[in-house]
Every structure is written in C-alpha cells, then in structure tokens.
C-alpha cells in the first residue's frame, strides 16, 4: 500500500469515527482529535487512543492495558488485526465492556 492510499484510507476511517461520535452524548464518550490521533475518554475515565502509524501503514489503538494494530484489507475495505479482529468491532466491544454502552459503527 503506498503512502497516499494509506493516508486517504486512514483519514477516512478517523473522519468516519468523528462523525459517529458526534451523535454520542459527550458525558458518555468525549472525543478529541489532533493530527491523526483520536482520544476517547469514557465516562468511567477509561481513555482510548487511536492513531495512525504511517511508517507501518497501520491504525493503532490502545485501551485498558491492551493494544491493537490494524492493517487495511483491500478486499473487505476495512481494518483488521493479524488475528482477523475488525477495528470498529473491537472499538465497540471495548466501549461496551467498559461503560455498557452499545455503539453501532457500521456505515449505515
């Protein structure tokens, strides 16, 4: 994957999340964004950090003493770990597990 393609796909993903979290009560999840980094602070003070890693062409996520590295799958047009965990599903699960909030991060 070349740098321009990665930048577009990663930026599209982070922009998508920003739009999705606009609809979430900031008392539940407060989102801040800066230069390729999203920070989500949950109502229980758990912090989730999502950032792009340009040299590795990955999106990284850290939360609750865990970290994930997601690669873009061109066939499925989504981000996955080497263990086939899908980025949006992992993020939704972490939020649900931490504050019992169900978030739909699908396109529709």
N, C-alpha and C. Protein backbone atom coordinates (compact mmCIF):
# COMPACT_ATOMS: atom_id res chain seq x y z
N UNK A 1 0.85 -1.17 0.00
CA UNK A 1 0.00 0.00 0.00
C UNK A 1 0.90 1.24 0.00
N UNK A 2 0.67 2.11 -0.95
CA UNK A 2 1.51 3.30 -0.99
C UNK A 2 1.03 4.33 0.04
N UNK A 3 1.86 5.32 0.30
CA UNK A 3 1.60 6.30 1.36
C UNK A 3 0.32 7.11 1.11
N UNK A 4 0.10 7.54 -0.12
CA UNK A 4 -1.09 8.33 -0.41
C UNK A 4 -2.38 7.53 -0.18
N UNK A 5 -2.38 6.29 -0.61
CA UNK A 5 -3.56 5.42 -0.41
C UNK A 5 -3.79 5.18 1.08
N UNK A 6 -2.72 4.87 1.81
CA UNK A 6 -2.85 4.68 3.25
C UNK A 6 -3.40 5.94 3.91
N UNK A 7 -2.82 7.09 3.60
CA UNK A 7 -3.28 8.34 4.21
C UNK A 7 -4.76 8.58 3.97
N UNK A 8 -5.21 8.31 2.76
CA UNK A 8 -6.64 8.50 2.44
C UNK A 8 -7.50 7.55 3.25
N UNK A 9 -7.15 6.28 3.26
CA UNK A 9 -7.96 5.28 3.97
C UNK A 9 -7.96 5.53 5.47
N UNK A 10 -6.81 5.86 6.04
CA UNK A 10 -6.73 6.13 7.47
C UNK A 10 -7.50 7.39 7.83
N UNK A 11 -7.34 8.43 7.03
CA UNK A 11 -8.07 9.68 7.28
C UNK A 11 -9.57 9.46 7.16
N UNK A 12 -9.99 8.71 6.16
CA UNK A 12 -11.42 8.41 6.00
C UNK A 12 -11.97 7.70 7.24
N UNK A 13 -11.19 6.76 7.78
CA UNK A 13 -11.63 6.00 8.95
C UNK A 13 -11.75 6.90 10.18
N UNK A 14 -10.75 7.72 10.42
CA UNK A 14 -10.81 8.62 11.57
C UNK A 14 -11.93 9.65 11.43
N UNK A 15 -12.13 10.16 10.23
CA UNK A 15 -13.23 11.10 10.00
C UNK A 15 -14.59 10.43 10.22
N UNK A 16 -14.71 9.18 9.78
CA UNK A 16 -15.94 8.42 9.99
C UNK A 16 -16.23 8.31 11.49
N UNK A 17 -15.21 7.97 12.27
CA UNK A 17 -15.41 7.84 13.72
C UNK A 17 -15.81 9.17 14.35
N UNK A 18 -15.16 10.24 13.93
CA UNK A 18 -15.53 11.55 14.47
C UNK A 18 -17.00 11.85 14.22
N UNK A 19 -17.47 11.56 13.03
CA UNK A 19 -18.89 11.80 12.71
C UNK A 19 -19.81 10.91 13.55
N UNK A 20 -19.44 9.65 13.72
CA UNK A 20 -20.26 8.72 14.51
C UNK A 20 -20.34 9.17 15.97
N UNK A 21 -19.22 9.65 16.50
CA UNK A 21 -19.21 10.04 17.91
C UNK A 21 -19.84 11.41 18.14
N UNK A 22 -20.11 12.17 17.08
CA UNK A 22 -20.88 13.41 17.22
C UNK A 22 -22.27 13.12 17.77
N UNK A 23 -22.80 11.93 17.47
CA UNK A 23 -24.15 11.55 17.90
C UNK A 23 -24.19 10.94 19.30
N UNK A 24 -23.03 10.76 19.93
CA UNK A 24 -22.95 10.15 21.25
C UNK A 24 -22.87 11.25 22.30
N UNK A 25 -23.59 11.08 23.38
CA UNK A 25 -23.57 12.04 24.48
C UNK A 25 -22.13 12.20 24.98
N UNK A 26 -21.60 13.42 25.00
CA UNK A 26 -20.23 13.62 25.47
C UNK A 26 -20.03 13.27 26.94
N UNK A 27 -21.11 13.15 27.69
CA UNK A 27 -20.99 12.67 29.07
C UNK A 27 -20.63 11.18 29.09
N UNK A 28 -20.97 10.46 28.01
CA UNK A 28 -20.63 9.05 27.89
C UNK A 28 -19.25 8.86 27.26
N UNK A 29 -19.04 9.53 26.13
CA UNK A 29 -17.77 9.42 25.40
C UNK A 29 -17.40 10.81 24.88
N UNK A 30 -16.29 11.33 25.38
CA UNK A 30 -15.82 12.62 24.90
C UNK A 30 -14.66 12.38 23.95
N UNK A 31 -14.80 12.88 22.73
CA UNK A 31 -13.79 12.66 21.70
C UNK A 31 -13.01 13.94 21.45
N UNK A 32 -11.71 13.80 21.36
CA UNK A 32 -10.86 14.91 20.92
C UNK A 32 -9.98 14.39 19.79
N UNK A 33 -9.60 15.30 18.92
CA UNK A 33 -8.86 14.92 17.72
C UNK A 33 -7.73 15.91 17.47
N UNK A 34 -6.57 15.37 17.06
CA UNK A 34 -5.45 16.23 16.72
C UNK A 34 -4.45 15.47 15.86
N UNK A 35 -4.23 15.93 14.65
CA UNK A 35 -3.18 15.43 13.76
C UNK A 35 -3.07 13.91 13.69
N UNK A 36 -4.14 13.25 13.30
CA UNK A 36 -4.10 11.80 13.12
C UNK A 36 -4.25 11.00 14.39
N UNK A 37 -4.65 11.66 15.49
CA UNK A 37 -4.85 10.97 16.76
C UNK A 37 -6.25 11.29 17.28
N UNK A 38 -7.00 10.24 17.61
CA UNK A 38 -8.29 10.40 18.27
C UNK A 38 -8.13 9.92 19.70
N UNK A 39 -8.67 10.68 20.62
CA UNK A 39 -8.67 10.29 22.03
C UNK A 39 -10.12 10.27 22.49
N UNK A 40 -10.54 9.14 23.01
CA UNK A 40 -11.88 8.99 23.54
C UNK A 40 -11.78 8.79 25.05
N UNK A 41 -12.43 9.65 25.80
CA UNK A 41 -12.47 9.48 27.24
C UNK A 41 -13.88 9.04 27.61
N UNK A 42 -13.98 7.86 28.20
CA UNK A 42 -15.27 7.31 28.58
C UNK A 42 -15.69 7.85 29.94
N UNK A 43 -16.98 7.74 30.23
CA UNK A 43 -17.50 8.31 31.48
C UNK A 43 -16.86 7.71 32.73
N UNK A 44 -16.28 6.53 32.63
CA UNK A 44 -15.58 5.92 33.77
C UNK A 44 -14.10 6.31 33.82
N UNK A 45 -13.71 7.25 32.96
CA UNK A 45 -12.35 7.79 32.85
C UNK A 45 -11.38 6.88 32.08
N UNK A 46 -11.87 5.80 31.53
CA UNK A 46 -11.05 4.99 30.63
C UNK A 46 -10.72 5.83 29.40
N UNK A 47 -9.49 5.77 28.95
CA UNK A 47 -9.06 6.51 27.77
C UNK A 47 -8.71 5.52 26.67
N UNK A 48 -9.22 5.79 25.48
CA UNK A 48 -8.90 5.01 24.29
C UNK A 48 -8.17 5.94 23.33
N UNK A 49 -7.01 5.53 22.89
CA UNK A 49 -6.23 6.34 21.95
C UNK A 49 -6.13 5.57 20.63
N UNK A 50 -6.50 6.26 19.56
CA UNK A 50 -6.46 5.69 18.21
C UNK A 50 -5.57 6.61 17.38
N UNK A 51 -4.57 6.03 16.74
CA UNK A 51 -3.71 6.87 15.93
C UNK A 51 -3.21 6.13 14.69
N UNK A 52 -2.82 6.92 13.72
CA UNK A 52 -2.25 6.35 12.50
C UNK A 52 -0.75 6.17 12.70
N UNK A 53 -0.24 5.10 12.15
CA UNK A 53 1.19 4.82 12.15
C UNK A 53 1.63 4.74 10.69
N UNK A 54 2.01 5.88 10.16
CA UNK A 54 2.35 5.97 8.74
C UNK A 54 3.48 5.04 8.32
N UNK A 55 4.59 4.96 9.07
CA UNK A 55 5.66 4.07 8.61
C UNK A 55 5.21 2.61 8.49
N UNK A 56 4.33 2.17 9.40
CA UNK A 56 3.85 0.79 9.38
C UNK A 56 2.59 0.62 8.52
N UNK A 57 2.01 1.73 8.09
CA UNK A 57 0.75 1.73 7.32
C UNK A 57 -0.36 1.03 8.11
N UNK A 58 -0.48 1.41 9.39
CA UNK A 58 -1.45 0.79 10.28
C UNK A 58 -2.21 1.85 11.07
N UNK A 59 -3.34 1.43 11.62
CA UNK A 59 -4.03 2.19 12.66
C UNK A 59 -3.80 1.42 13.95
N UNK A 60 -3.37 2.15 14.97
CA UNK A 60 -3.12 1.55 16.27
C UNK A 60 -4.16 2.03 17.26
N UNK A 61 -4.55 1.16 18.18
CA UNK A 61 -5.49 1.53 19.23
C UNK A 61 -4.96 0.98 20.55
N UNK A 62 -5.03 1.82 21.59
CA UNK A 62 -4.62 1.40 22.93
C UNK A 62 -5.76 1.74 23.90
N UNK A 63 -6.05 0.78 24.77
CA UNK A 63 -7.09 0.96 25.79
C UNK A 63 -7.00 -0.15 26.81
N UNK A 64 -7.27 0.19 28.05
CA UNK A 64 -7.40 -0.79 29.13
C UNK A 64 -6.21 -1.78 29.13
N UNK A 65 -5.01 -1.26 29.11
CA UNK A 65 -3.79 -2.06 29.16
C UNK A 65 -3.66 -3.05 28.00
N UNK A 66 -4.30 -2.74 26.89
CA UNK A 66 -4.20 -3.57 25.68
C UNK A 66 -3.90 -2.66 24.49
N UNK A 67 -3.36 -3.27 23.45
CA UNK A 67 -3.08 -2.52 22.23
C UNK A 67 -3.34 -3.40 21.02
N UNK A 68 -3.79 -2.77 19.95
CA UNK A 68 -4.10 -3.48 18.71
C UNK A 68 -3.44 -2.72 17.56
N UNK A 69 -3.07 -3.47 16.52
CA UNK A 69 -2.54 -2.89 15.28
C UNK A 69 -3.40 -3.41 14.14
N UNK A 70 -3.96 -2.48 13.39
CA UNK A 70 -4.90 -2.83 12.32
C UNK A 70 -4.31 -2.49 10.96
N UNK A 71 -4.43 -3.45 10.05
CA UNK A 71 -4.00 -3.28 8.67
C UNK A 71 -5.23 -3.17 7.79
N UNK A 72 -5.12 -2.40 6.72
CA UNK A 72 -6.25 -2.25 5.82
C UNK A 72 -6.34 -3.45 4.89
N UNK A 73 -7.54 -4.04 4.83
CA UNK A 73 -7.81 -5.18 3.94
C UNK A 73 -8.54 -4.63 2.71
N UNK A 74 -7.85 -4.62 1.59
CA UNK A 74 -8.43 -4.03 0.38
C UNK A 74 -9.65 -4.80 -0.12
N UNK A 75 -9.68 -6.09 0.08
CA UNK A 75 -10.82 -6.89 -0.36
C UNK A 75 -12.07 -6.53 0.42
N UNK A 76 -11.93 -6.46 1.74
CA UNK A 76 -13.10 -6.17 2.61
C UNK A 76 -13.28 -4.68 2.88
N UNK A 77 -12.31 -3.88 2.48
CA UNK A 77 -12.35 -2.42 2.66
C UNK A 77 -12.57 -2.01 4.12
N UNK A 78 -11.88 -2.74 5.01
CA UNK A 78 -11.94 -2.44 6.44
C UNK A 78 -10.58 -2.75 7.06
N UNK A 79 -10.42 -2.37 8.31
CA UNK A 79 -9.17 -2.53 9.05
C UNK A 79 -9.25 -3.75 9.96
N UNK A 80 -8.21 -4.61 9.93
CA UNK A 80 -8.19 -5.85 10.71
C UNK A 80 -6.83 -6.06 11.36
N UNK A 81 -6.84 -6.76 12.51
CA UNK A 81 -5.59 -7.21 13.13
C UNK A 81 -5.12 -8.45 12.39
N UNK A 82 -3.92 -8.89 12.72
CA UNK A 82 -3.42 -10.14 12.15
C UNK A 82 -4.28 -11.33 12.58
N UNK A 83 -5.01 -11.18 13.69
CA UNK A 83 -5.91 -12.23 14.18
C UNK A 83 -7.33 -12.10 13.64
N UNK A 84 -7.49 -11.25 12.63
CA UNK A 84 -8.78 -11.06 11.95
C UNK A 84 -9.84 -10.36 12.82
N UNK A 85 -9.39 -9.56 13.79
CA UNK A 85 -10.32 -8.74 14.57
C UNK A 85 -10.55 -7.44 13.81
N UNK A 86 -11.80 -7.09 13.61
CA UNK A 86 -12.14 -5.90 12.84
C UNK A 86 -12.13 -4.67 13.75
N UNK A 87 -11.51 -3.61 13.29
CA UNK A 87 -11.28 -2.39 14.08
C UNK A 87 -12.55 -1.85 14.74
N UNK A 88 -13.57 -1.59 13.97
CA UNK A 88 -14.78 -0.99 14.53
C UNK A 88 -15.44 -1.90 15.55
N UNK A 89 -15.38 -3.20 15.32
CA UNK A 89 -15.96 -4.15 16.27
C UNK A 89 -15.17 -4.16 17.57
N UNK A 90 -13.85 -4.14 17.48
CA UNK A 90 -13.03 -4.11 18.68
C UNK A 90 -13.31 -2.83 19.47
N UNK A 91 -13.38 -1.71 18.79
CA UNK A 91 -13.66 -0.44 19.47
C UNK A 91 -15.03 -0.48 20.14
N UNK A 92 -16.03 -0.96 19.44
CA UNK A 92 -17.38 -1.07 20.02
C UNK A 92 -17.39 -1.96 21.25
N UNK A 93 -16.68 -3.07 21.17
CA UNK A 93 -16.62 -4.02 22.28
C UNK A 93 -15.93 -3.41 23.50
N UNK A 94 -14.84 -2.71 23.29
CA UNK A 94 -14.14 -2.08 24.41
C UNK A 94 -15.07 -1.08 25.10
N UNK A 95 -15.74 -0.26 24.33
CA UNK A 95 -16.66 0.73 24.92
C UNK A 95 -17.78 0.03 25.67
N UNK A 96 -18.36 -0.99 25.07
CA UNK A 96 -19.45 -1.72 25.73
C UNK A 96 -18.97 -2.37 27.02
N UNK A 97 -17.81 -3.01 26.97
CA UNK A 97 -17.28 -3.68 28.15
C UNK A 97 -16.98 -2.70 29.28
N UNK A 98 -16.54 -1.51 28.93
CA UNK A 98 -16.15 -0.52 29.94
C UNK A 98 -17.32 0.24 30.54
N UNK A 99 -18.28 0.66 29.70
CA UNK A 99 -19.36 1.50 30.23
C UNK A 99 -20.75 1.01 29.84
N UNK A 100 -20.85 -0.21 29.33
CA UNK A 100 -22.13 -0.81 28.98
C UNK A 100 -22.94 0.05 28.01
N UNK A 101 -22.24 0.64 27.05
CA UNK A 101 -22.86 1.47 26.02
C UNK A 101 -22.70 0.78 24.68
N UNK A 102 -23.81 0.50 24.01
CA UNK A 102 -23.75 -0.12 22.69
C UNK A 102 -23.67 0.99 21.64
N UNK A 103 -22.66 0.87 20.79
CA UNK A 103 -22.46 1.84 19.72
C UNK A 103 -22.41 1.11 18.40
N UNK A 104 -23.20 1.56 17.46
CA UNK A 104 -23.19 0.97 16.12
C UNK A 104 -22.21 1.78 15.27
N UNK A 105 -21.16 1.13 14.82
CA UNK A 105 -20.16 1.79 14.00
C UNK A 105 -20.18 1.28 12.56
N UNK A 106 -21.37 0.89 12.10
CA UNK A 106 -21.49 0.47 10.71
C UNK A 106 -21.68 1.69 9.82
N UNK A 107 -21.53 1.47 8.53
CA UNK A 107 -21.65 2.56 7.56
C UNK A 107 -23.06 3.16 7.52
N UNK A 108 -24.05 2.31 7.66
CA UNK A 108 -25.44 2.78 7.50
C UNK A 108 -25.92 3.53 8.71
